[in-house]
C-alpha atoms as a PDB file:
ATOM      1  CA  MET A   1      -5.448 -18.256  -7.185  1.00  0.00           C
ATOM      2  CA  ARG A   2      -4.528 -21.193  -4.990  1.00  0.00           C
ATOM      3  CA  HIS A   3      -1.194 -20.401  -3.349  1.00  0.00           C
ATOM      4  CA  VAL A   4       0.309 -16.951  -2.661  1.00  0.00           C
ATOM      5  CA  LEU A   5       3.834 -16.017  -1.674  1.00  0.00           C
ATOM      6  CA  VAL A   6       3.853 -13.155   0.838  1.00  0.00           C
ATOM      7  CA  THR A   7       7.228 -11.495   1.397  1.00  0.00           C
ATOM      8  CA  GLY A   8       7.729  -9.378   4.492  1.00  0.00           C
ATOM      9  CA  ALA A   9       5.013 -11.589   5.992  1.00  0.00           C
ATOM     10  CA  ALA A  10       5.872 -10.804   9.616  1.00  0.00           C
ATOM     11  CA  GLY A  11       5.241  -7.105   9.095  1.00  0.00           C
ATOM     12  CA  ARG A  12       2.094  -5.086   9.750  1.00  0.00           C
ATOM     13  CA  ILE A  13       0.490  -5.566   6.359  1.00  0.00           C
ATOM     14  CA  GLY A  14       2.041  -8.995   5.831  1.00  0.00           C
ATOM     15  CA  ARG A  15       0.353 -10.477   8.888  1.00  0.00           C
ATOM     16  CA  ALA A  16      -2.991  -8.989   7.828  1.00  0.00           C
ATOM     17  CA  VAL A  17      -2.584 -10.502   4.344  1.00  0.00           C
ATOM     18  CA  LEU A  18      -1.809 -13.917   5.816  1.00  0.00           C
ATOM     19  CA  SER A  19      -4.924 -13.754   8.011  1.00  0.00           C
ATOM     20  CA  LEU A  20      -7.082 -12.724   5.059  1.00  0.00           C
ATOM     21  CA  LEU A  21      -5.710 -15.534   2.898  1.00  0.00           C
ATOM     22  CA  ALA A  22      -6.404 -18.060   5.667  1.00  0.00           C
ATOM     23  CA  SER A  23      -9.971 -16.806   6.032  1.00  0.00           C
ATOM     24  CA  ARG A  24     -10.476 -17.500   2.308  1.00  0.00           C
ATOM     25  CA  ASP A  25      -8.785 -20.917   2.397  1.00  0.00           C
ATOM     26  CA  ILE A  26      -5.966 -19.777   0.142  1.00  0.00           C
ATOM     27  CA  ALA A  27      -2.606 -21.341   0.937  1.00  0.00           C
ATOM     28  CA  ALA A  28       0.261 -19.001   1.751  1.00  0.00           C
ATOM     29  CA  THR A  29       4.040 -19.235   1.819  1.00  0.00           C
ATOM     30  CA  ALA A  30       5.567 -16.621   4.109  1.00  0.00           C
ATOM     31  CA  LEU A  31       9.027 -15.265   3.290  1.00  0.00           C
ATOM     32  CA  VAL A  32      10.658 -13.559   6.263  1.00  0.00           C
ATOM     33  CA  LEU A  33      14.167 -12.729   7.376  1.00  0.00           C
ATOM     34  CA  ASP A  34      13.617 -14.618  10.611  1.00  0.00           C
ATOM     35  CA  ASP A  35      10.716 -16.940  11.437  1.00  0.00           C
ATOM     36  CA  PRO A  36       8.834 -15.497  14.454  1.00  0.00           C
ATOM     37  CA  GLY A  37       7.100 -18.864  14.918  1.00  0.00           C
ATOM     38  CA  ASP A  38       3.528 -17.566  14.891  1.00  0.00           C
ATOM     39  CA  LEU A  39       2.739 -16.916  11.235  1.00  0.00           C
ATOM     40  CA  VAL A  40      -0.502 -18.261   9.736  1.00  0.00           C
ATOM     41  CA  ALA A  41       1.047 -19.899   6.683  1.00  0.00           C
ATOM     42  CA  ALA A  42       1.262 -23.318   5.096  1.00  0.00           C
ATOM     43  CA  ARG A  43       5.028 -22.799   4.757  1.00  0.00           C
ATOM     44  CA  VAL A  44       7.573 -20.360   6.149  1.00  0.00           C
ATOM     45  CA  VAL A  45      10.872 -19.668   4.366  1.00  0.00           C
ATOM     46  CA  ALA A  46      13.504 -17.713   6.275  1.00  0.00           C
ATOM     47  CA  GLY A  47      15.882 -15.572   4.260  1.00  0.00           C
ATOM     48  CA  SER A  48      16.273 -12.378   2.280  1.00  0.00           C
ATOM     49  CA  ALA A  49      13.853 -11.335  -0.433  1.00  0.00           C
ATOM     50  CA  GLY A  50      16.944 -10.060  -2.267  1.00  0.00           C
ATOM     51  CA  ASP A  51      18.507 -13.539  -2.462  1.00  0.00           C
ATOM     52  CA  PRO A  52      17.449 -15.296  -5.690  1.00  0.00           C
ATOM     53  CA  VAL A  53      18.154 -18.767  -4.252  1.00  0.00           C
ATOM     54  CA  VAL A  54      15.906 -18.094  -1.275  1.00  0.00           C
ATOM     55  CA  VAL A  55      13.184 -16.541  -3.421  1.00  0.00           C
ATOM     56  CA  ALA A  56      13.223 -19.373  -5.949  1.00  0.00           C
ATOM     57  CA  ASP A  57      12.736 -21.826  -3.116  1.00  0.00           C
ATOM     58  CA  ALA A  58       9.882 -19.758  -1.641  1.00  0.00           C
ATOM     59  CA  LEU A  59       8.140 -19.684  -5.046  1.00  0.00           C
ATOM     60  CA  ALA A  60       7.695 -23.448  -5.210  1.00  0.00           C
ATOM     61  CA  GLY A  61       4.020 -24.203  -5.934  1.00  0.00           C
ATOM     62  CA  VAL A  62       3.063 -20.494  -5.888  1.00  0.00           C
ATOM     63  CA  ASP A  63       0.779 -18.875  -8.477  1.00  0.00           C
ATOM     64  CA  ALA A  64       0.718 -15.248  -7.195  1.00  0.00           C
ATOM     65  CA  VAL A  65       2.957 -12.943  -5.162  1.00  0.00           C
ATOM     66  CA  VAL A  66       2.387 -10.156  -2.644  1.00  0.00           C
ATOM     67  CA  HIS A  67       5.730  -8.441  -2.178  1.00  0.00           C
ATOM     68  CA  LEU A  68       5.861  -6.356   1.004  1.00  0.00           C
ATOM     69  CA  ALA A  69       9.447  -6.890   2.205  1.00  0.00           C
ATOM     70  CA  ALA A  70      11.331  -3.587   2.474  1.00  0.00           C
ATOM     71  CA  ARG A  71      13.067  -1.150   4.727  1.00  0.00           C
ATOM     72  CA  PRO A  72       9.985   1.011   5.380  1.00  0.00           C
ATOM     73  CA  ALA A  73      11.484   4.513   5.739  1.00  0.00           C
ATOM     74  CA  PRO A  74      14.593   6.486   4.810  1.00  0.00           C
ATOM     75  CA  THR A  75      15.591   6.242   8.464  1.00  0.00           C
ATOM     76  CA  SER A  76      15.460   2.409   8.460  1.00  0.00           C
ATOM     77  CA  GLY A  77      19.176   2.105   7.693  1.00  0.00           C
ATOM     78  CA  THR A  78      21.847   4.026   5.837  1.00  0.00           C
ATOM     79  CA  PRO A  79      20.824   5.620   2.519  1.00  0.00           C
ATOM     80  CA  PHE A  80      22.803   2.889   0.760  1.00  0.00           C
ATOM     81  CA  GLU A  81      21.026   0.114   2.626  1.00  0.00           C
ATOM     82  CA  VAL A  82      17.545   1.551   2.163  1.00  0.00           C
ATOM     83  CA  PHE A  83      17.824   2.119  -1.573  1.00  0.00           C
ATOM     84  CA  ALA A  84      19.925  -0.888  -2.499  1.00  0.00           C
ATOM     85  CA  GLU A  85      18.068  -3.463  -0.410  1.00  0.00           C
ATOM     86  CA  ASN A  86      14.607  -2.279  -1.379  1.00  0.00           C
ATOM     87  CA  THR A  87      15.284  -2.201  -5.099  1.00  0.00           C
ATOM     88  CA  ARG A  88      17.230  -5.448  -5.096  1.00  0.00           C
ATOM     89  CA  ALA A  89      14.423  -7.265  -3.287  1.00  0.00           C
ATOM     90  CA  THR A  90      11.761  -6.045  -5.705  1.00  0.00           C
ATOM     91  CA  PHE A  91      13.870  -6.881  -8.754  1.00  0.00           C
ATOM     92  CA  THR A  92      14.710 -10.325  -7.364  1.00  0.00           C
ATOM     93  CA  VAL A  93      11.148 -11.256  -6.375  1.00  0.00           C
ATOM     94  CA  LEU A  94       9.633 -10.136  -9.689  1.00  0.00           C
ATOM     95  CA  GLU A  95      12.397 -11.609 -11.864  1.00  0.00           C
ATOM     96  CA  CYS A  96      12.242 -14.974 -10.086  1.00  0.00           C
ATOM     97  CA  ALA A  97       8.417 -14.959 -10.157  1.00  0.00           C
ATOM     98  CA  GLY A  98       8.313 -14.206 -13.859  1.00  0.00           C
ATOM     99  CA  ALA A  99      10.928 -16.855 -14.636  1.00  0.00           C
ATOM    100  CA  ALA A 100       8.925 -19.388 -12.581  1.00  0.00           C
ATOM    101  CA  GLY A 101       5.782 -18.741 -14.626  1.00  0.00           C
ATOM    102  CA  VAL A 102       3.934 -16.695 -12.025  1.00  0.00           C
ATOM    103  CA  ARG A 103       1.714 -14.177 -13.801  1.00  0.00           C
ATOM    104  CA  ARG A 104       0.252 -11.985 -11.055  1.00  0.00           C
ATOM    105  CA  ALA A 105       2.024  -9.886  -8.458  1.00  0.00           C
ATOM    106  CA  VAL A 106       1.281  -6.991  -6.123  1.00  0.00           C
ATOM    107  CA  ILE A 107       4.092  -4.903  -4.684  1.00  0.00           C
ATOM    108  CA  ALA A 108       4.026  -2.355  -1.914  1.00  0.00           C
ATOM    109  CA  SER A 109       4.967   1.021  -3.254  1.00  0.00           C
ATOM    110  CA  SER A 110       4.311   4.035  -1.078  1.00  0.00           C
ATOM    111  CA  TYR A 111       2.730   7.453  -0.915  1.00  0.00           C
ATOM    112  CA  GLY A 112       6.342   8.417  -0.287  1.00  0.00           C
ATOM    113  CA  ALA A 113       7.123   7.838  -3.966  1.00  0.00           C
ATOM    114  CA  ASN A 114       5.719  11.333  -4.658  1.00  0.00           C
ATOM    115  CA  GLY A 115       8.536  12.835  -2.594  1.00  0.00           C
ATOM    116  CA  LEU A 116       6.323  14.777  -0.157  1.00  0.00           C
ATOM    117  CA  PRO A 117       6.731  13.005   3.200  1.00  0.00           C
ATOM    118  CA  TRP A 118      10.495  12.923   3.569  1.00  0.00           C
ATOM    119  CA  ALA A 119      11.718  16.067   1.798  1.00  0.00           C
ATOM    120  CA  ARG A 120      14.188  18.045   3.862  1.00  0.00           C
ATOM    121  CA  THR A 121      12.402  21.251   2.830  1.00  0.00           C
ATOM    122  CA  PHE A 122       8.730  20.642   2.164  1.00  0.00           C
ATOM    123  CA  SER A 123       7.473  21.821  -1.206  1.00  0.00           C
ATOM    124  CA  PRO A 124       3.663  21.810  -1.582  1.00  0.00           C
ATOM    125  CA  PRO A 125       2.242  19.503  -4.254  1.00  0.00           C
ATOM    126  CA  ALA A 126       1.625  20.964  -7.680  1.00  0.00           C
ATOM    127  CA  TYR A 127      -2.112  20.327  -7.341  1.00  0.00           C
ATOM    128  CA  LEU A 128      -4.756  18.575  -5.281  1.00  0.00           C
ATOM    129  CA  PRO A 129      -5.967  15.949  -4.969  1.00  0.00           C
ATOM    130  CA  VAL A 130      -2.625  14.278  -5.620  1.00  0.00           C
ATOM    131  CA  ASP A 131      -2.650  11.469  -8.173  1.00  0.00           C
ATOM    132  CA  GLU A 132      -0.171   9.024  -9.670  1.00  0.00           C
ATOM    133  CA  ALA A 133       0.981  11.604 -12.267  1.00  0.00           C
ATOM    134  CA  LEU A 134       1.986  14.208  -9.660  1.00  0.00           C
ATOM    135  CA  PRO A 135       5.503  15.550 -10.398  1.00  0.00           C
ATOM    136  CA  SER A 136       7.789  14.162  -7.704  1.00  0.00           C
ATOM    137  CA  PRO A 137      10.585  16.230  -6.140  1.00  0.00           C
ATOM    138  CA  VAL A 138      11.847  13.114  -4.298  1.00  0.00           C
ATOM    139  CA  GLU A 139      15.118  13.641  -2.457  1.00  0.00           C
ATOM    140  CA  ASP A 140      15.262  10.663  -0.078  1.00  0.00           C
ATOM    141  CA  PRO A 141      16.487   7.105  -0.691  1.00  0.00           C
ATOM    142  CA  TYR A 142      13.216   5.474   0.364  1.00  0.00           C
ATOM    143  CA  GLY A 143      10.999   7.451  -2.001  1.00  0.00           C
ATOM    144  CA  LEU A 144      13.515   6.938  -4.781  1.00  0.00           C
ATOM    145  CA  SER A 145      13.545   3.198  -4.105  1.00  0.00           C
ATOM    146  CA  LYS A 146       9.770   3.100  -4.506  1.00  0.00           C
ATOM    147  CA  GLN A 147       9.982   5.006  -7.777  1.00  0.00           C
ATOM    148  CA  ALA A 148      12.596   2.495  -8.955  1.00  0.00           C
ATOM    149  CA  ASP A 149      10.330  -0.351  -7.858  1.00  0.00           C
ATOM    150  CA  GLU A 150       7.505   0.999 -10.007  1.00  0.00           C
ATOM    151  CA  LEU A 151       9.857   1.163 -12.999  1.00  0.00           C
ATOM    152  CA  THR A 152      10.999  -2.372 -12.247  1.00  0.00           C
ATOM    153  CA  ALA A 153       7.375  -3.505 -12.257  1.00  0.00           C
ATOM    154  CA  ALA A 154       6.850  -1.967 -15.712  1.00  0.00           C
ATOM    155  CA  MET A 155       9.957  -3.659 -17.048  1.00  0.00           C
ATOM    156  CA  MET A 156       8.913  -7.064 -15.616  1.00  0.00           C
ATOM    157  CA  ALA A 157       5.505  -6.748 -17.261  1.00  0.00           C
ATOM    158  CA  ARG A 158       7.228  -6.286 -20.632  1.00  0.00           C
ATOM    159  CA  ARG A 159       9.859  -8.944 -19.930  1.00  0.00           C
ATOM    160  CA  HIS A 160       7.636 -11.734 -18.577  1.00  0.00           C
ATOM    161  CA  GLY A 161       4.049 -10.764 -19.333  1.00  0.00           C
ATOM    162  CA  LEU A 162       3.721 -10.432 -15.562  1.00  0.00           C
ATOM    163  CA  THR A 163       0.824  -8.384 -14.252  1.00  0.00           C
ATOM    164  CA  VAL A 164       2.169  -6.167 -11.477  1.00  0.00           C
ATOM    165  CA  VAL A 165       0.105  -3.741  -9.394  1.00  0.00           C
ATOM    166  CA  ALA A 166       2.269  -1.310  -7.404  1.00  0.00           C
ATOM    167  CA  VAL A 167       0.158   0.014  -4.541  1.00  0.00           C
ATOM    168  CA  ARG A 168       1.086   3.396  -3.088  1.00  0.00           C
ATOM    169  CA  TYR A 169       0.046   2.832   0.520  1.00  0.00           C
ATOM    170  CA  PRO A 170      -0.377   5.808   2.863  1.00  0.00           C
ATOM    171  CA  PHE A 171       0.054   5.662   6.664  1.00  0.00           C
ATOM    172  CA  VAL A 172      -1.226   2.152   7.579  1.00  0.00           C
ATOM    173  CA  GLY A 173      -2.166   0.789  10.989  1.00  0.00           C
ATOM    174  CA  GLY A 174      -4.621  -0.982  13.193  1.00  0.00           C
ATOM    175  CA  VAL A 175      -7.063   1.062  15.236  1.00  0.00           C
ATOM    176  CA  GLU A 176      -5.624   0.380  18.670  1.00  0.00           C
ATOM    177  CA  GLU A 177      -2.148  -0.446  17.430  1.00  0.00           C
ATOM    178  CA  ARG A 178      -1.498   2.834  15.593  1.00  0.00           C
ATOM    179  CA  LEU A 179      -4.381   4.791  14.126  1.00  0.00           C
ATOM    180  CA  ALA A 180      -5.973   6.091  17.306  1.00  0.00           C
ATOM    181  CA  ALA A 181      -2.716   7.583  18.572  1.00  0.00           C
ATOM    182  CA  HIS A 182      -1.901   9.041  15.162  1.00  0.00           C
ATOM    183  CA  ALA A 183      -5.365  10.612  14.938  1.00  0.00           C
ATOM    184  CA  ARG A 184      -4.911  12.234  18.365  1.00  0.00           C
ATOM    185  CA  THR A 185      -1.527  13.625  17.302  1.00  0.00           C
ATOM    186  CA  LEU A 186      -2.922  15.136  14.095  1.00  0.00           C
ATOM    187  CA  THR A 187      -6.023  16.475  15.825  1.00  0.00           C
ATOM    188  CA  GLU A 188      -3.835  18.278  18.358  1.00  0.00           C
ATOM    189  CA  ASP A 189      -1.575  19.642  15.631  1.00  0.00           C
ATOM    190  CA  PRO A 190      -2.909  19.265  12.073  1.00  0.00           C
ATOM    191  CA  ALA A 191       0.283  20.783  10.706  1.00  0.00           C
ATOM    192  CA  ARG A 192       2.009  17.473  11.432  1.00  0.00           C
ATOM    193  CA  GLY A 193      -0.166  15.792   8.805  1.00  0.00           C
ATOM    194  CA  VAL A 194       0.378  18.146   5.909  1.00  0.00           C
ATOM    195  CA  ARG A 195       3.093  16.098   4.192  1.00  0.00           C
ATOM    196  CA  GLU A 196       0.829  13.026   4.061  1.00  0.00           C
ATOM    197  CA  LEU A 197      -2.311  15.118   3.474  1.00  0.00           C
ATOM    198  CA  TRP A 198      -3.822  13.607   6.643  1.00  0.00           C
ATOM    199  CA  SER A 199      -4.379  10.312   4.808  1.00  0.00           C
ATOM    200  CA  TYR A 200      -4.403   6.791   6.228  1.00  0.00           C
ATOM    201  CA  LEU A 201      -5.621   3.245   5.652  1.00  0.00           C
ATOM    202  CA  ASP A 202      -6.703   0.614   8.134  1.00  0.00           C
ATOM    203  CA  VAL A 203      -4.411  -2.437   7.943  1.00  0.00           C
ATOM    204  CA  ARG A 204      -7.382  -4.647   7.156  1.00  0.00           C
ATOM    205  CA  ASP A 205      -8.145  -2.507   4.120  1.00  0.00           C
ATOM    206  CA  ALA A 206      -4.472  -2.675   3.188  1.00  0.00           C
ATOM    207  CA  ALA A 207      -4.736  -6.501   3.099  1.00  0.00           C
ATOM    208  CA  LEU A 208      -7.979  -6.348   1.086  1.00  0.00           C
ATOM    209  CA  VAL A 209      -6.262  -4.096  -1.426  1.00  0.00           C
ATOM    210  CA  ALA A 210      -3.454  -6.613  -1.917  1.00  0.00           C
ATOM    211  CA  LEU A 211      -5.836  -9.507  -2.562  1.00  0.00           C
ATOM    212  CA  SER A 212      -8.152  -7.459  -4.750  1.00  0.00           C
ATOM    213  CA  ALA A 213      -5.214  -6.284  -6.850  1.00  0.00           C
ATOM    214  CA  LEU A 214      -4.145  -9.886  -7.372  1.00  0.00           C
ATOM    215  CA  GLY A 215      -7.376 -10.284  -9.349  1.00  0.00           C
ATOM    216  CA  VAL A 216      -5.954  -8.063 -12.122  1.00  0.00           C
ATOM    217  CA  ASP A 217      -4.607 -10.245 -14.905  1.00  0.00           C
ATOM    218  CA  ASP A 218      -3.781  -8.239 -18.053  1.00  0.00           C
ATOM    219  CA  GLY A 219      -0.026  -8.665 -18.398  1.00  0.00           C
ATOM    220  CA  ARG A 220       0.625  -5.008 -17.629  1.00  0.00           C
ATOM    221  CA  ALA A 221       2.059  -2.902 -14.817  1.00  0.00           C
ATOM    222  CA  HIS A 222      -0.106  -0.442 -12.885  1.00  0.00           C
ATOM    223  CA  VAL A 223       0.592   2.148 -10.220  1.00  0.00           C
ATOM    224  CA  VAL A 224      -2.342   3.061  -7.938  1.00  0.00           C
ATOM    225  CA  GLN A 225      -2.893   5.143  -4.839  1.00  0.00           C
ATOM    226  CA  VAL A 226      -5.120   3.995  -1.988  1.00  0.00           C
ATOM    227  CA  ALA A 227      -6.404   5.709   1.145  1.00  0.00           C
ATOM    228  CA  ALA A 228      -9.458   5.897   3.334  1.00  0.00           C
ATOM    229  CA  PRO A 229     -12.009   8.368   1.875  1.00  0.00           C
ATOM    230  CA  SER A 230     -11.790  10.757   4.827  1.00  0.00           C
ATOM    231  CA  THR A 231      -8.856  12.330   6.637  1.00  0.00           C
ATOM    232  CA  LEU A 232      -7.907  11.497  10.218  1.00  0.00           C
ATOM    233  CA  VAL A 233      -8.559  15.080  11.340  1.00  0.00           C
ATOM    234  CA  PRO A 234     -12.033  16.237  12.484  1.00  0.00           C
ATOM    235  CA  VAL A 235     -11.736  19.430  10.466  1.00  0.00           C
ATOM    236  CA  PRO A 236     -13.214  20.053   6.997  1.00  0.00           C
ATOM    237  CA  THR A 237     -10.653  19.475   4.299  1.00  0.00           C
ATOM    238  CA  ALA A 238     -11.321  22.867   2.753  1.00  0.00           C
ATOM    239  CA  GLU A 239     -10.352  24.473   6.070  1.00  0.00           C
ATOM    240  CA  LEU A 240      -7.180  22.383   6.317  1.00  0.00           C
ATOM    241  CA  LEU A 241      -6.148  23.380   2.795  1.00  0.00           C
ATOM    242  CA  ARG A 242      -6.961  27.045   3.403  1.00  0.00           C
ATOM    243  CA  ARG A 243      -4.859  26.951   6.540  1.00  0.00           C
ATOM    244  CA  TYR A 244      -1.850  24.894   5.411  1.00  0.00           C
ATOM    245  CA  LEU A 245      -1.817  24.750   1.600  1.00  0.00           C
ATOM    246  CA  PRO A 246      -3.526  28.002   0.531  1.00  0.00           C
ATOM    247  CA  ASP A 247      -1.695  28.387  -2.797  1.00  0.00           C
ATOM    248  CA  VAL A 248      -2.141  24.851  -4.156  1.00  0.00           C
ATOM    249  CA  PRO A 249      -4.690  24.547  -6.990  1.00  0.00           C
ATOM    250  CA  VAL A 250      -7.588  22.260  -6.145  1.00  0.00           C
ATOM    251  CA  ARG A 251      -8.815  20.475  -9.265  1.00  0.00           C
ATOM    252  CA  ARG A 252     -12.131  19.181  -7.922  1.00  0.00           C
ATOM    253  CA  PRO A 253     -14.311  19.743  -4.858  1.00  0.00           C
ATOM    254  CA  LEU A 254     -13.250  18.054  -1.628  1.00  0.00           C
ATOM    255  CA  PRO A 255     -16.400  18.177   0.498  1.00  0.00           C
ATOM    256  CA  GLY A 256     -16.487  17.482   4.191  1.00  0.00           C
ATOM    257  CA  ARG A 257     -13.391  15.602   5.311  1.00  0.00           C
ATOM    258  CA  ALA A 258     -12.646  14.147   1.860  1.00  0.00           C
ATOM    259  CA  VAL A 259      -9.028  13.032   1.625  1.00  0.00           C
ATOM    260  CA  PRO A 260      -7.040  15.026  -0.954  1.00  0.00           C
ATOM    261  CA  VAL A 261      -5.639  11.832  -2.493  1.00  0.00           C
ATOM    262  CA  ASP A 262      -7.106  10.577  -5.756  1.00  0.00           C
ATOM    263  CA  THR A 263      -7.870   6.844  -5.499  1.00  0.00           C
ATOM    264  CA  SER A 264      -9.885   6.595  -8.723  1.00  0.00           C
ATOM    265  CA  ALA A 265      -7.275   4.513 -10.566  1.00  0.00           C
ATOM    266  CA  ALA A 266      -7.527   1.797  -7.910  1.00  0.00           C
ATOM    267  CA  GLN A 267     -11.316   2.027  -8.019  1.00  0.00           C
ATOM    268  CA  ARG A 268     -11.317   1.508 -11.782  1.00  0.00           C
ATOM    269  CA  LEU A 269      -8.690  -1.253 -11.774  1.00  0.00           C
ATOM    270  CA  PHE A 270      -9.984  -3.504  -9.009  1.00  0.00           C
ATOM    271  CA  GLY A 271     -12.965  -1.809  -7.396  1.00  0.00           C
ATOM    272  CA  PHE A 272     -11.108  -0.336  -4.420  1.00  0.00           C
ATOM    273  CA  ALA A 273     -13.359   1.030  -1.664  1.00  0.00           C
ATOM    274  CA  ALA A 274     -12.162   1.230   1.933  1.00  0.00           C
ATOM    275  CA  GLN A 275     -14.255  -0.965   4.233  1.00  0.00           C
ATOM    276  CA  TYR A 276     -12.840   0.052   7.622  1.00  0.00           C
ATOM    277  CA  PRO A 277     -13.116   3.792   8.301  1.00  0.00           C
ATOM    278  CA  PHE A 278     -11.398   4.921  11.462  1.00  0.00           C
ATOM    279  CA  GLU A 279     -14.629   6.345  12.940  1.00  0.00           C
ATOM    280  CA  ASP A 280     -15.701   2.855  14.055  1.00  0.00           C
ATOM    281  CA  GLY A 281     -12.816   0.623  13.050  1.00  0.00           C
ATOM    282  CA  SER A 282     -14.836  -2.431  13.955  1.00  0.00           C
ATOM    283  CA  GLY A 283     -16.363  -3.719  10.739  1.00  0.00           C
ATOM    284  CA  PRO A 284     -17.252  -3.073   7.136  1.00  0.00           C
ATOM    285  CA  ALA A 285     -18.622   0.355   6.338  1.00  0.00           C
ATOM    286  CA  ALA A 286     -22.347   0.569   5.745  1.00  0.00           C
ATOM    287  CA  GLY A 287     -23.716   0.956   2.274  1.00  0.00           C
END
């Protein structure tokens, strides 16, 4: 891997990916709607990830893709904009990448693909910990767009022999930028974290996931969940589940503050293990 295209490169995860690539002396092309002027990239292309002309230009000299560009929530535009723009961008980036001979891509899916975070009336998950096979009662345009993106990835693998890893990211942030405040909110009222099962991932781990997933090269599509191993709430998980999800079957023990999100598929596929737990947030976890 010598040169990576990063779409949505000015976003939270995008900037972290660019920094990580630079630290490893891997060239990056950044695709953004508007150039902010401070991106750590060998080249910056301004334009829409849904425009095949722009994307084809951005793919020049690239041998891998990290696709992060998206409207990040169902409230980030009208339902038509959220669904149509997200799905068009993913289709365009993967189709252009496959046609250009690129053989490895990572796309940002979302924990929201399971339909839990944005449902108008919350329905508890069918079982815990949640995994990639969880039945999804999705009823919002964002979650549906991520489901469609995962299907697009599977089609592109068949169509082009393109390896695509769709990563279902949870709540992502930096310690000072977002995680500390979110942890305080959930500690004060754990009920506010039920829909996301109190899960999170440090943005540095989010970037590590993207680069690690680019190491997969089997010509197939994969969907994986990632999250830090512990919840953001200083309450045992068993107590949280007893209090807020008492009727949901628990398929395996969740000791201590173990997050009720199954990340074993990511562990098997590319050795996922979160390195930046919120408790210190300053460096790789010990051991």
